[in-house]
Protein backbone atom coordinates (compact mmCIF):
# COMPACT_ATOMS: atom_id res chain seq x y z
CA UNK A 1 0.00 0.00 0.00
CA UNK A 2 2.87 2.37 0.75
CA UNK A 3 4.12 1.99 -2.84
CA UNK A 4 0.61 2.51 -4.25
CA UNK A 5 0.23 5.78 -2.33
CA UNK A 6 3.67 6.94 -3.52
CA UNK A 7 2.86 6.05 -7.14
CA UNK A 8 -0.53 7.77 -7.15
CA UNK A 9 0.13 10.86 -5.02
CA UNK A 10 3.90 11.21 -4.91
CA UNK A 11 3.93 11.11 -1.11
CA UNK A 12 5.65 8.63 1.14
CA UNK A 13 3.47 7.07 3.81
CA UNK A 14 5.06 6.48 7.21
CA UNK A 15 4.97 3.01 8.64
CA UNK A 16 4.78 2.69 12.38
CA UNK A 17 5.09 -0.87 13.52
CA UNK A 18 2.54 -2.12 15.98
CA UNK A 19 1.62 -5.45 17.45
CA UNK A 20 -1.15 -7.97 17.04
CA UNK A 21 -2.03 -7.20 13.41
CA UNK A 22 -3.23 -3.67 14.06
CA UNK A 23 -3.48 -1.59 10.89
CA UNK A 24 -4.57 2.02 11.19
CA UNK A 25 -4.39 4.74 8.56
CA UNK A 26 -4.18 8.34 9.70
CA UNK A 27 -4.17 11.33 7.41
CA UNK A 28 -3.30 14.74 8.84
CA UNK A 29 -3.76 13.34 12.34
CA UNK A 30 -7.26 11.98 11.59
CA UNK A 31 -7.92 8.22 11.65
CA UNK A 32 -9.54 7.26 8.37
CA UNK A 33 -9.23 3.49 8.59
CA UNK A 34 -8.85 1.10 11.49
CA UNK A 35 -8.90 -2.66 11.01
CA UNK A 36 -9.88 -3.04 14.66
CA UNK A 37 -13.25 -1.67 13.51
CA UNK A 38 -13.59 -3.45 10.14
CA UNK A 39 -11.68 -6.64 11.01
CA UNK A 40 -9.98 -6.68 7.61
CA UNK A 41 -7.19 -5.04 5.62
CA UNK A 42 -8.34 -2.16 3.36
CA UNK A 43 -8.03 -2.08 -0.40
CA UNK A 44 -5.88 0.54 -2.07
CA UNK A 45 -9.04 2.11 -3.53
CA UNK A 46 -10.55 2.55 -0.07
CA UNK A 47 -7.49 4.44 1.13
CA UNK A 48 -7.33 6.46 -2.10
CA UNK A 49 -10.96 7.52 -1.56
CA UNK A 50 -10.11 8.82 1.91
CA UNK A 51 -7.07 10.72 0.62
CA UNK A 52 -9.10 12.20 -2.25
CA UNK A 53 -11.89 13.27 0.11
CA UNK A 54 -9.40 15.20 2.25
CA UNK A 55 -7.96 16.97 -0.79
CA UNK A 56 -11.30 18.50 -1.80
C-alpha atoms as a PDB file:
ATOM      1  CA  UNK A   1       0.000   0.000   0.000  1.00  0.00           C
ATOM      2  CA  UNK A   2       2.870   2.369   0.745  1.00  0.00           C
ATOM      3  CA  UNK A   3       4.117   1.988  -2.843  1.00  0.00           C
ATOM      4  CA  UNK A   4       0.612   2.505  -4.252  1.00  0.00           C
ATOM      5  CA  UNK A   5       0.234   5.776  -2.332  1.00  0.00           C
ATOM      6  CA  UNK A   6       3.671   6.942  -3.520  1.00  0.00           C
ATOM      7  CA  UNK A   7       2.855   6.049  -7.143  1.00  0.00           C
ATOM      8  CA  UNK A   8      -0.531   7.770  -7.151  1.00  0.00           C
ATOM      9  CA  UNK A   9       0.129  10.859  -5.015  1.00  0.00           C
ATOM     10  CA  UNK A  10       3.905  11.211  -4.910  1.00  0.00           C
ATOM     11  CA  UNK A  11       3.928  11.111  -1.115  1.00  0.00           C
ATOM     12  CA  UNK A  12       5.653   8.628   1.144  1.00  0.00           C
ATOM     13  CA  UNK A  13       3.474   7.070   3.815  1.00  0.00           C
ATOM     14  CA  UNK A  14       5.057   6.485   7.208  1.00  0.00           C
ATOM     15  CA  UNK A  15       4.970   3.006   8.638  1.00  0.00           C
ATOM     16  CA  UNK A  16       4.777   2.693  12.384  1.00  0.00           C
ATOM     17  CA  UNK A  17       5.090  -0.867  13.523  1.00  0.00           C
ATOM     18  CA  UNK A  18       2.537  -2.122  15.979  1.00  0.00           C
ATOM     19  CA  UNK A  19       1.621  -5.448  17.453  1.00  0.00           C
ATOM     20  CA  UNK A  20      -1.146  -7.969  17.036  1.00  0.00           C
ATOM     21  CA  UNK A  21      -2.027  -7.200  13.408  1.00  0.00           C
ATOM     22  CA  UNK A  22      -3.235  -3.666  14.059  1.00  0.00           C
ATOM     23  CA  UNK A  23      -3.476  -1.590  10.889  1.00  0.00           C
ATOM     24  CA  UNK A  24      -4.569   2.017  11.194  1.00  0.00           C
ATOM     25  CA  UNK A  25      -4.394   4.744   8.555  1.00  0.00           C
ATOM     26  CA  UNK A  26      -4.175   8.335   9.703  1.00  0.00           C
ATOM     27  CA  UNK A  27      -4.167  11.331   7.408  1.00  0.00           C
ATOM     28  CA  UNK A  28      -3.304  14.738   8.836  1.00  0.00           C
ATOM     29  CA  UNK A  29      -3.764  13.338  12.335  1.00  0.00           C
ATOM     30  CA  UNK A  30      -7.257  11.980  11.586  1.00  0.00           C
ATOM     31  CA  UNK A  31      -7.922   8.223  11.654  1.00  0.00           C
ATOM     32  CA  UNK A  32      -9.541   7.263   8.366  1.00  0.00           C
ATOM     33  CA  UNK A  33      -9.226   3.493   8.587  1.00  0.00           C
ATOM     34  CA  UNK A  34      -8.850   1.097  11.486  1.00  0.00           C
ATOM     35  CA  UNK A  35      -8.901  -2.658  11.010  1.00  0.00           C
ATOM     36  CA  UNK A  36      -9.882  -3.040  14.658  1.00  0.00           C
ATOM     37  CA  UNK A  37     -13.251  -1.672  13.507  1.00  0.00           C
ATOM     38  CA  UNK A  38     -13.595  -3.445  10.139  1.00  0.00           C
ATOM     39  CA  UNK A  39     -11.680  -6.644  11.014  1.00  0.00           C
ATOM     40  CA  UNK A  40      -9.977  -6.677   7.610  1.00  0.00           C
ATOM     41  CA  UNK A  41      -7.186  -5.040   5.619  1.00  0.00           C
ATOM     42  CA  UNK A  42      -8.336  -2.158   3.364  1.00  0.00           C
ATOM     43  CA  UNK A  43      -8.029  -2.080  -0.398  1.00  0.00           C
ATOM     44  CA  UNK A  44      -5.878   0.545  -2.075  1.00  0.00           C
ATOM     45  CA  UNK A  45      -9.038   2.106  -3.533  1.00  0.00           C
ATOM     46  CA  UNK A  46     -10.548   2.546  -0.068  1.00  0.00           C
ATOM     47  CA  UNK A  47      -7.493   4.441   1.132  1.00  0.00           C
ATOM     48  CA  UNK A  48      -7.332   6.460  -2.102  1.00  0.00           C
ATOM     49  CA  UNK A  49     -10.961   7.518  -1.558  1.00  0.00           C
ATOM     50  CA  UNK A  50     -10.107   8.818   1.913  1.00  0.00           C
ATOM     51  CA  UNK A  51      -7.075  10.721   0.622  1.00  0.00           C
ATOM     52  CA  UNK A  52      -9.101  12.198  -2.251  1.00  0.00           C
ATOM     53  CA  UNK A  53     -11.887  13.274   0.113  1.00  0.00           C
ATOM     54  CA  UNK A  54      -9.401  15.196   2.247  1.00  0.00           C
ATOM     55  CA  UNK A  55      -7.960  16.972  -0.793  1.00  0.00           C
ATOM     56  CA  UNK A  56     -11.303  18.502  -1.801  1.00  0.00           C
END
